[in-house]
């Protein structure tokens, strides 16, 4: 009987705590701001990378700040995994794009159009996940 009561209490406690981080305005603001900055910089990838190294470094710094902020929020594993995909230098999103731009020197407008769509949608998914999180009281 005691074990059943303890189990019931544990289920009630776990059931009342969210399985995901609660909504965080700072996190939402970071992701939306980063999206605008990233797409604006990507627009400039038709120019030579060497003329934009300071801009790339500034964007990467802001990206790292957002990742670091979200990494320390409890129950935020899904968002953290999304940030990992976004920043992966071997991937097909922002991190991989920046590496490719550096390697190529410039990107074509055709390639850029599709890549901006992919990166923009990935930022939207992170933002939409944040919006759907339960707002704390």
C-alpha atoms as a PDB file:
ATOM      1  CA  UNK A   1       0.000   0.000   0.000  1.00  0.00           C
ATOM      2  CA  UNK A   2       2.838   2.382   0.844  1.00  0.00           C
ATOM      3  CA  UNK A   3       4.552   1.594  -2.476  1.00  0.00           C
ATOM      4  CA  UNK A   4       1.342   2.295  -4.379  1.00  0.00           C
ATOM      5  CA  UNK A   5       0.889   5.636  -2.590  1.00  0.00           C
ATOM      6  CA  UNK A   6       4.504   6.568  -3.267  1.00  0.00           C
ATOM      7  CA  UNK A   7       4.119   5.627  -6.946  1.00  0.00           C
ATOM      8  CA  UNK A   8       0.887   7.621  -7.204  1.00  0.00           C
ATOM      9  CA  UNK A   9       2.551  10.653  -5.623  1.00  0.00           C
ATOM     10  CA  UNK A  10       5.525  10.344  -7.982  1.00  0.00           C
ATOM     11  CA  UNK A  11       3.259  10.120 -11.031  1.00  0.00           C
ATOM     12  CA  UNK A  12       1.343  13.172  -9.830  1.00  0.00           C
ATOM     13  CA  UNK A  13       4.546  15.176  -9.328  1.00  0.00           C
ATOM     14  CA  UNK A  14       6.004  14.158 -12.691  1.00  0.00           C
ATOM     15  CA  UNK A  15       2.640  14.654 -14.373  1.00  0.00           C
ATOM     16  CA  UNK A  16       2.401  18.208 -13.082  1.00  0.00           C
ATOM     17  CA  UNK A  17       5.862  19.242 -14.222  1.00  0.00           C
ATOM     18  CA  UNK A  18       6.220  20.094 -17.883  1.00  0.00           C
ATOM     19  CA  UNK A  19       8.209  17.699 -20.047  1.00  0.00           C
ATOM     20  CA  UNK A  20       9.587  20.655 -21.972  1.00  0.00           C
ATOM     21  CA  UNK A  21      11.026  23.999 -20.959  1.00  0.00           C
ATOM     22  CA  UNK A  22       8.541  26.794 -20.492  1.00  0.00           C
ATOM     23  CA  UNK A  23       8.273  29.692 -22.932  1.00  0.00           C
ATOM     24  CA  UNK A  24      11.133  32.160 -22.635  1.00  0.00           C
ATOM     25  CA  UNK A  25      10.823  35.619 -24.219  1.00  0.00           C
ATOM     26  CA  UNK A  26      14.601  36.133 -24.330  1.00  0.00           C
ATOM     27  CA  UNK A  27      15.075  32.883 -26.227  1.00  0.00           C
ATOM     28  CA  UNK A  28      12.309  33.773 -28.672  1.00  0.00           C
ATOM     29  CA  UNK A  29      13.791  37.237 -29.230  1.00  0.00           C
ATOM     30  CA  UNK A  30      17.233  35.758 -29.853  1.00  0.00           C
ATOM     31  CA  UNK A  31      16.042  33.313 -32.483  1.00  0.00           C
ATOM     32  CA  UNK A  32      13.963  35.878 -34.373  1.00  0.00           C
ATOM     33  CA  UNK A  33      16.765  38.436 -34.289  1.00  0.00           C
ATOM     34  CA  UNK A  34      19.311  35.846 -35.418  1.00  0.00           C
ATOM     35  CA  UNK A  35      17.085  34.837 -38.318  1.00  0.00           C
ATOM     36  CA  UNK A  36      16.977  38.409 -39.619  1.00  0.00           C
ATOM     37  CA  UNK A  37      20.735  38.854 -39.165  1.00  0.00           C
ATOM     38  CA  UNK A  38      21.584  35.488 -40.745  1.00  0.00           C
ATOM     39  CA  UNK A  39      19.423  36.039 -43.821  1.00  0.00           C
ATOM     40  CA  UNK A  40      20.779  39.571 -44.250  1.00  0.00           C
ATOM     41  CA  UNK A  41      24.335  38.227 -44.157  1.00  0.00           C
ATOM     42  CA  UNK A  42      23.470  35.367 -46.490  1.00  0.00           C
ATOM     43  CA  UNK A  43      22.232  37.968 -48.999  1.00  0.00           C
ATOM     44  CA  UNK A  44      25.788  39.281 -49.047  1.00  0.00           C
ATOM     45  CA  UNK A  45      27.292  35.891 -49.901  1.00  0.00           C
ATOM     46  CA  UNK A  46      27.243  36.849 -53.581  1.00  0.00           C
ATOM     47  CA  UNK A  47      30.136  39.109 -52.529  1.00  0.00           C
ATOM     48  CA  UNK A  48      33.604  37.852 -51.672  1.00  0.00           C
ATOM     49  CA  UNK A  49      33.742  36.148 -48.270  1.00  0.00           C
ATOM     50  CA  UNK A  50      36.949  37.954 -47.330  1.00  0.00           C
ATOM     51  CA  UNK A  51      35.097  41.280 -47.358  1.00  0.00           C
ATOM     52  CA  UNK A  52      32.575  39.932 -44.832  1.00  0.00           C
ATOM     53  CA  UNK A  53      34.729  38.052 -42.309  1.00  0.00           C
ATOM     54  CA  UNK A  54      33.911  40.514 -39.507  1.00  0.00           C
ATOM     55  CA  UNK A  55      30.183  40.168 -40.238  1.00  0.00           C
ATOM     56  CA  UNK A  56      30.454  36.364 -40.204  1.00  0.00           C
ATOM     57  CA  UNK A  57      32.353  36.449 -36.906  1.00  0.00           C
ATOM     58  CA  UNK A  58      29.710  38.748 -35.367  1.00  0.00           C
ATOM     59  CA  UNK A  59      26.896  36.453 -36.503  1.00  0.00           C
ATOM     60  CA  UNK A  60      28.675  33.370 -35.197  1.00  0.00           C
ATOM     61  CA  UNK A  61      29.154  35.110 -31.845  1.00  0.00           C
ATOM     62  CA  UNK A  62      25.436  35.881 -31.595  1.00  0.00           C
ATOM     63  CA  UNK A  63      24.602  32.320 -32.628  1.00  0.00           C
ATOM     64  CA  UNK A  64      26.917  30.963 -29.936  1.00  0.00           C
ATOM     65  CA  UNK A  65      25.265  33.220 -27.344  1.00  0.00           C
ATOM     66  CA  UNK A  66      21.812  31.902 -28.245  1.00  0.00           C
ATOM     67  CA  UNK A  67      23.030  28.310 -28.124  1.00  0.00           C
ATOM     68  CA  UNK A  68      24.723  28.847 -24.773  1.00  0.00           C
ATOM     69  CA  UNK A  69      21.617  30.514 -23.336  1.00  0.00           C
ATOM     70  CA  UNK A  70      19.303  27.701 -24.397  1.00  0.00           C
ATOM     71  CA  UNK A  71      21.760  24.992 -23.390  1.00  0.00           C
ATOM     72  CA  UNK A  72      21.368  25.926 -19.733  1.00  0.00           C
ATOM     73  CA  UNK A  73      17.574  25.950 -19.684  1.00  0.00           C
ATOM     74  CA  UNK A  74      16.117  22.812 -18.086  1.00  0.00           C
ATOM     75  CA  UNK A  75      14.110  20.408 -20.233  1.00  0.00           C
ATOM     76  CA  UNK A  76      15.212  22.094 -23.433  1.00  0.00           C
ATOM     77  CA  UNK A  77      16.748  19.137 -25.262  1.00  0.00           C
ATOM     78  CA  UNK A  78      14.695  19.466 -28.457  1.00  0.00           C
ATOM     79  CA  UNK A  79      15.599  23.121 -28.904  1.00  0.00           C
ATOM     80  CA  UNK A  80      19.242  22.326 -28.176  1.00  0.00           C
ATOM     81  CA  UNK A  81      19.224  19.619 -30.835  1.00  0.00           C
ATOM     82  CA  UNK A  82      17.724  22.081 -33.302  1.00  0.00           C
ATOM     83  CA  UNK A  83      20.485  24.591 -32.535  1.00  0.00           C
ATOM     84  CA  UNK A  84      23.070  21.837 -33.044  1.00  0.00           C
ATOM     85  CA  UNK A  85      21.675  21.153 -36.511  1.00  0.00           C
ATOM     86  CA  UNK A  86      21.552  24.875 -37.326  1.00  0.00           C
ATOM     87  CA  UNK A  87      25.169  25.502 -36.352  1.00  0.00           C
ATOM     88  CA  UNK A  88      26.774  22.259 -37.579  1.00  0.00           C
ATOM     89  CA  UNK A  89      29.673  23.251 -39.821  1.00  0.00           C
ATOM     90  CA  UNK A  90      29.348  19.970 -41.728  1.00  0.00           C
ATOM     91  CA  UNK A  91      25.585  20.268 -42.134  1.00  0.00           C
ATOM     92  CA  UNK A  92      23.294  21.886 -44.678  1.00  0.00           C
ATOM     93  CA  UNK A  93      21.974  24.777 -42.576  1.00  0.00           C
ATOM     94  CA  UNK A  94      23.662  27.990 -41.405  1.00  0.00           C
ATOM     95  CA  UNK A  95      26.896  26.462 -40.086  1.00  0.00           C
ATOM     96  CA  UNK A  96      27.503  24.495 -43.264  1.00  0.00           C
ATOM     97  CA  UNK A  97      26.540  27.447 -45.426  1.00  0.00           C
ATOM     98  CA  UNK A  98      29.132  29.704 -43.773  1.00  0.00           C
ATOM     99  CA  UNK A  99      31.854  27.081 -44.253  1.00  0.00           C
ATOM    100  CA  UNK A 100      30.898  26.629 -47.911  1.00  0.00           C
ATOM    101  CA  UNK A 101      30.879  30.390 -48.512  1.00  0.00           C
ATOM    102  CA  UNK A 102      34.353  30.683 -46.995  1.00  0.00           C
ATOM    103  CA  UNK A 103      35.609  27.791 -49.141  1.00  0.00           C
ATOM    104  CA  UNK A 104      33.983  29.017 -52.369  1.00  0.00           C
ATOM    105  CA  UNK A 105      34.693  32.715 -51.878  1.00  0.00           C
ATOM    106  CA  UNK A 106      31.264  33.659 -53.299  1.00  0.00           C
ATOM    107  CA  UNK A 107      27.919  31.962 -53.737  1.00  0.00           C
ATOM    108  CA  UNK A 108      25.592  32.081 -56.725  1.00  0.00           C
ATOM    109  CA  UNK A 109      22.224  33.799 -56.481  1.00  0.00           C
ATOM    110  CA  UNK A 110      20.543  30.540 -57.532  1.00  0.00           C
ATOM    111  CA  UNK A 111      22.152  28.547 -54.703  1.00  0.00           C
ATOM    112  CA  UNK A 112      21.529  31.360 -52.260  1.00  0.00           C
ATOM    113  CA  UNK A 113      17.789  31.486 -52.936  1.00  0.00           C
ATOM    114  CA  UNK A 114      17.277  27.844 -51.958  1.00  0.00           C
ATOM    115  CA  UNK A 115      19.681  27.964 -49.029  1.00  0.00           C
ATOM    116  CA  UNK A 116      18.011  31.056 -47.537  1.00  0.00           C
ATOM    117  CA  UNK A 117      14.684  29.255 -47.719  1.00  0.00           C
ATOM    118  CA  UNK A 118      16.091  26.243 -45.831  1.00  0.00           C
ATOM    119  CA  UNK A 119      17.850  28.316 -43.178  1.00  0.00           C
ATOM    120  CA  UNK A 120      14.848  30.608 -42.732  1.00  0.00           C
ATOM    121  CA  UNK A 121      12.519  27.640 -42.248  1.00  0.00           C
ATOM    122  CA  UNK A 122      14.895  26.124 -39.690  1.00  0.00           C
ATOM    123  CA  UNK A 123      14.902  29.370 -37.693  1.00  0.00           C
ATOM    124  CA  UNK A 124      11.097  29.444 -37.957  1.00  0.00           C
ATOM    125  CA  UNK A 125      10.885  25.936 -36.525  1.00  0.00           C
ATOM    126  CA  UNK A 126      12.976  26.928 -33.503  1.00  0.00           C
ATOM    127  CA  UNK A 127      10.854  30.057 -32.982  1.00  0.00           C
ATOM    128  CA  UNK A 128       7.587  28.138 -33.397  1.00  0.00           C
ATOM    129  CA  UNK A 129       8.687  25.533 -30.872  1.00  0.00           C
ATOM    130  CA  UNK A 130       9.444  28.296 -28.383  1.00  0.00           C
ATOM    131  CA  UNK A 131       6.028  29.891 -28.945  1.00  0.00           C
ATOM    132  CA  UNK A 132       4.281  26.558 -28.339  1.00  0.00           C
ATOM    133  CA  UNK A 133       5.969  26.035 -24.985  1.00  0.00           C
ATOM    134  CA  UNK A 134       3.759  26.531 -21.957  1.00  0.00           C
ATOM    135  CA  UNK A 135       3.927  30.024 -20.539  1.00  0.00           C
ATOM    136  CA  UNK A 136       4.843  30.026 -16.865  1.00  0.00           C
ATOM    137  CA  UNK A 137       2.570  31.798 -14.404  1.00  0.00           C
END
